[in-house]
Protein backbone atom coordinates (compact mmCIF):
# COMPACT_ATOMS: atom_id res chain seq x y z
CA MET A 1 -47.23 8.17 10.91
CA THR A 2 -44.09 8.46 13.00
CA THR A 3 -41.23 10.85 12.46
CA PRO A 4 -38.02 9.02 11.52
CA LYS A 5 -35.12 9.28 13.92
CA PRO A 6 -32.05 11.13 12.59
CA GLU A 7 -29.95 7.93 12.67
CA THR A 8 -32.50 6.05 10.57
CA THR A 9 -31.61 6.14 6.89
CA MET A 10 -32.60 4.37 3.73
CA VAL A 11 -30.53 4.54 0.58
CA ALA A 12 -31.26 3.16 -2.85
CA ILE A 13 -28.44 3.32 -5.37
CA ASP A 14 -28.57 2.16 -8.96
CA GLY A 15 -24.96 1.13 -9.41
CA SER A 16 -25.46 -0.69 -12.68
CA ASP A 17 -23.21 1.75 -14.52
CA ALA A 18 -20.79 2.48 -11.65
CA LEU A 19 -17.11 1.85 -12.33
CA ALA A 20 -16.26 1.88 -8.62
CA PHE A 21 -17.93 2.48 -5.27
CA VAL A 22 -17.11 3.22 -1.65
CA ILE A 23 -19.65 2.96 1.17
CA ILE A 24 -18.66 4.25 4.61
CA ARG A 25 -20.85 3.17 7.52
CA PRO A 26 -20.54 3.59 11.27
CA GLY A 27 -18.36 0.87 12.74
CA SER A 28 -19.13 -1.55 15.53
CA THR A 29 -17.14 0.45 18.08
CA GLU A 30 -17.25 4.13 19.04
CA GLY A 31 -15.39 6.30 16.54
CA SER A 32 -14.80 3.53 13.99
CA VAL A 33 -16.11 3.02 10.48
CA SER A 34 -16.87 0.07 8.24
CA ILE A 35 -15.82 0.44 4.60
CA GLU A 36 -17.18 -1.49 1.64
CA SER A 37 -15.56 -0.85 -1.74
CA GLY A 38 -15.09 -2.31 -5.16
CA ALA A 39 -14.06 -1.53 -8.72
CA GLN A 40 -15.19 -3.16 -11.92
CA GLY A 41 -14.60 -1.64 -15.32
CA MET A 42 -11.59 0.37 -14.18
CA SER A 43 -8.35 -0.59 -12.50
CA ARG A 44 -8.00 -0.30 -8.74
CA GLN A 45 -5.09 2.08 -9.38
CA ALA A 46 -7.36 4.37 -11.42
CA ALA A 47 -10.09 4.15 -8.78
CA ALA A 48 -7.56 5.07 -6.08
CA TYR A 49 -6.49 8.11 -8.12
CA VAL A 50 -10.10 9.28 -8.43
CA LEU A 51 -10.67 8.77 -4.69
CA ARG A 52 -7.60 10.90 -3.92
CA GLN A 53 -9.09 13.65 -6.11
CA VAL A 54 -12.36 13.40 -4.19
CA ALA A 55 -10.46 13.57 -0.88
CA ASP A 56 -8.69 16.73 -2.08
CA LEU A 57 -12.07 18.29 -2.94
CA PHE A 58 -13.52 17.35 0.46
CA GLU A 59 -10.53 18.91 2.24
CA ALA A 60 -10.73 22.08 0.13
CA GLU A 61 -14.44 22.42 0.91
CA ALA A 62 -13.70 21.92 4.60
CA GLY A 63 -11.22 24.80 4.47
CA ARG A 64 -8.03 22.81 4.92
């Protein structure tokens, strides 16, 4: 058995009850990201509000 490399990941998500999602992956160029997102069952405006709340929590946890 080989030890997985740190950059090797596998994720399984059951999103059957998710109202919205955001997936952030490394981009194709250095320092960039690729973003996949969607909302179903809630408005995009409501999803954006929730994401801003999450961003505020991330910043608070980072000490900003």
